[in-house]
Amino acid sequence: MAVTLDPFAELDRLASGLLGARPGPRVMPVDLYRDADRYVLNADLPGVDPGTVDVDVDGQLLTIRAQRTADTGHVGKWLVQERPGGSYLRQFSIGEGVDITGISASYDNGVLSVVLPVSEKAKPRKIEVHAASASTDSQKTLTS
């Protein structure tokens, strides 16, 4: 009996083990930047139903959760499945410089945008410098 080795089948088996269903949350790449008086966080969540996206703040911890449902609507045999379903989770420590009551979020074309306004106490402010008056300086000299 001859045993045939299909190198492509073996590569597919190894790749599915590396890229296929793995335990735990999926990767959620993010961009974060400051724009004037707000921080903007953009997270890639392709194929996620907006109804499964959950953004919450507990103290100074911002948590983003989402769920992507695996495609089960086809009847054929999978040849490659690199887009499995599963859960997404990211947490961020936001510090005290964010106005947590003003946080807003929107989801469009697979991108979740979270806007975090800078709190009034964390905004830069100008401090007025008062010059000492000449009469005050001369009074100090006379009384000394």
Protein backbone atom coordinates (compact mmCIF):
# COMPACT_ATOMS: atom_id res chain seq x y z
CA MET A 1 0.00 0.00 0.00
CA ALA A 2 1.50 3.34 -1.07
CA VAL A 3 1.16 6.36 1.14
CA THR A 4 0.93 9.64 -0.71
CA LEU A 5 1.83 12.87 0.97
CA ASP A 6 0.05 15.99 -0.13
CA PRO A 7 2.30 18.87 1.01
CA PHE A 8 -0.46 21.44 0.41
CA ALA A 9 -2.88 19.56 2.62
CA GLU A 10 -0.24 19.44 5.35
CA LEU A 11 0.38 23.20 5.02
CA ASP A 12 -3.35 23.86 5.18
CA ARG A 13 -3.62 21.72 8.32
CA LEU A 14 -0.77 23.60 9.99
CA ALA A 15 -2.12 26.99 8.94
CA SER A 16 -5.60 26.21 10.22
CA GLY A 17 -4.07 25.28 13.56
CA LEU A 18 -2.19 28.59 13.69
CA LEU A 19 -4.84 30.86 12.19
CA GLY A 20 -8.01 28.97 12.97
CA ALA A 21 -10.19 29.02 16.01
CA ARG A 22 -8.15 29.82 19.06
CA PRO A 23 -9.35 30.29 22.58
CA GLY A 24 -9.79 33.75 24.03
CA PRO A 25 -10.65 37.12 22.55
CA ARG A 26 -9.73 38.11 18.99
CA VAL A 27 -7.29 40.87 18.10
CA MET A 28 -8.84 44.35 17.96
CA PRO A 29 -6.35 46.79 16.39
CA VAL A 30 -6.82 50.39 17.53
CA ASP A 31 -5.59 53.89 16.73
CA LEU A 32 -5.68 56.53 19.47
CA TYR A 33 -4.94 60.22 19.05
CA ARG A 34 -5.67 63.56 20.68
CA ASP A 35 -7.53 66.16 18.64
CA ALA A 36 -7.75 69.51 20.49
CA ASP A 37 -9.99 68.91 23.52
CA ARG A 38 -10.75 65.23 22.94
CA TYR A 39 -9.16 61.84 22.48
CA VAL A 40 -10.36 59.68 19.59
CA LEU A 41 -10.04 55.90 19.65
CA ASN A 42 -10.75 53.99 16.42
CA ALA A 43 -11.00 50.20 16.66
CA ASP A 44 -11.23 47.78 13.72
CA LEU A 45 -14.14 45.37 14.17
CA PRO A 46 -14.81 43.96 10.68
CA GLY A 47 -17.94 41.87 10.24
CA VAL A 48 -19.21 42.62 13.74
CA ASP A 49 -22.94 43.19 14.22
CA PRO A 50 -23.27 46.67 15.79
CA GLY A 51 -25.83 45.24 18.23
CA THR A 52 -23.08 43.15 19.86
CA VAL A 53 -20.74 46.08 20.49
CA ASP A 54 -20.59 47.14 24.15
CA VAL A 55 -18.58 50.11 25.42
CA ASP A 56 -18.58 50.84 29.14
CA VAL A 57 -16.63 52.79 31.73
CA ASP A 58 -16.09 51.60 35.28
CA GLY A 59 -14.10 54.13 37.23
CA GLN A 60 -11.06 54.82 35.08
CA LEU A 61 -11.33 51.61 33.00
CA LEU A 62 -12.81 51.77 29.48
CA THR A 63 -13.90 48.34 28.18
CA ILE A 64 -14.87 47.48 24.60
CA ARG A 65 -16.56 44.13 23.88
CA ALA A 66 -17.94 42.78 20.61
CA GLN A 67 -18.98 39.48 19.06
CA ARG A 68 -18.45 38.26 15.51
CA THR A 69 -20.65 35.37 14.44
CA ALA A 70 -18.99 32.65 12.38
CA ASP A 71 -20.33 32.14 8.86
CA THR A 72 -22.47 29.00 8.99
CA GLY A 73 -24.74 29.76 6.03
CA HIS A 74 -22.77 27.84 3.39
CA VAL A 75 -23.12 24.14 2.56
CA GLY A 76 -19.71 23.42 1.01
CA LYS A 77 -16.45 22.30 2.60
CA TRP A 78 -14.20 25.02 3.97
CA LEU A 79 -10.94 25.33 2.04
CA VAL A 80 -9.64 28.29 4.01
CA GLN A 81 -11.27 29.88 7.04
CA GLU A 82 -9.20 32.77 8.37
CA ARG A 83 -12.15 34.87 9.57
CA PRO A 84 -13.59 32.83 12.42
CA GLY A 85 -16.26 34.04 14.78
CA GLY A 86 -15.56 34.88 18.34
CA SER A 87 -15.39 37.61 20.91
CA TYR A 88 -13.33 40.80 20.97
CA LEU A 89 -12.19 42.49 24.17
CA ARG A 90 -9.95 45.50 24.85
CA GLN A 91 -9.54 47.50 28.03
CA PHE A 92 -7.92 50.90 28.47
CA SER A 93 -6.97 52.85 31.57
CA ILE A 94 -8.20 56.36 30.81
CA GLY A 95 -6.81 58.37 33.71
CA GLU A 96 -8.42 61.30 35.45
CA GLY A 97 -8.02 63.78 32.58
CA VAL A 98 -11.08 62.44 30.72
CA ASP A 99 -14.66 63.61 31.23
CA ILE A 100 -16.27 60.16 31.52
CA THR A 101 -19.80 61.61 31.41
CA GLY A 102 -19.18 62.97 27.90
CA ILE A 103 -17.83 59.79 26.24
CA SER A 104 -19.63 58.86 22.99
CA ALA A 105 -19.28 56.01 20.49
CA SER A 106 -20.33 55.24 16.91
CA TYR A 107 -19.85 52.28 14.56
CA ASP A 108 -19.51 52.70 10.81
CA ASN A 109 -18.15 50.36 8.11
CA GLY A 110 -16.48 48.02 10.58
CA VAL A 111 -14.80 50.77 12.61
CA LEU A 112 -15.83 51.67 16.16
CA SER A 113 -15.03 55.30 17.06
CA VAL A 114 -14.99 56.30 20.71
CA VAL A 115 -14.65 60.00 21.56
CA LEU A 116 -13.32 60.83 25.02
CA PRO A 117 -13.52 64.54 25.87
CA VAL A 118 -10.74 66.07 27.97
CA SER A 119 -12.07 67.24 31.35
CA GLU A 120 -12.06 70.95 32.12
CA LYS A 121 -9.55 70.51 34.95
CA ALA A 122 -7.10 68.73 32.60
CA LYS A 123 -7.23 71.37 29.86
CA PRO A 124 -4.25 73.69 29.60
CA ARG A 125 -4.96 77.17 30.91
CA LYS A 126 -3.17 80.50 30.93
CA ILE A 127 -2.09 81.82 34.32
CA GLU A 128 -2.09 85.62 34.56
CA VAL A 129 1.05 87.08 36.09
CA HIS A 130 0.50 90.24 38.18
CA ALA A 131 3.37 92.70 38.38
CA ALA A 132 4.07 94.29 41.72
CA SER A 133 3.14 97.98 41.70
CA ALA A 134 5.84 100.66 42.10
CA SER A 135 4.09 102.16 45.14
CA THR A 136 4.13 98.79 46.93
CA ASP A 137 7.87 98.40 46.29
CA SER A 138 8.64 101.95 47.55
CA GLN A 139 6.57 101.39 50.70
CA LYS A 140 8.58 98.23 51.46
CA THR A 141 11.82 100.24 51.09
CA LEU A 142 10.65 103.08 53.36
CA THR A 143 9.49 100.80 56.16
CA SER A 144 12.66 98.74 56.20
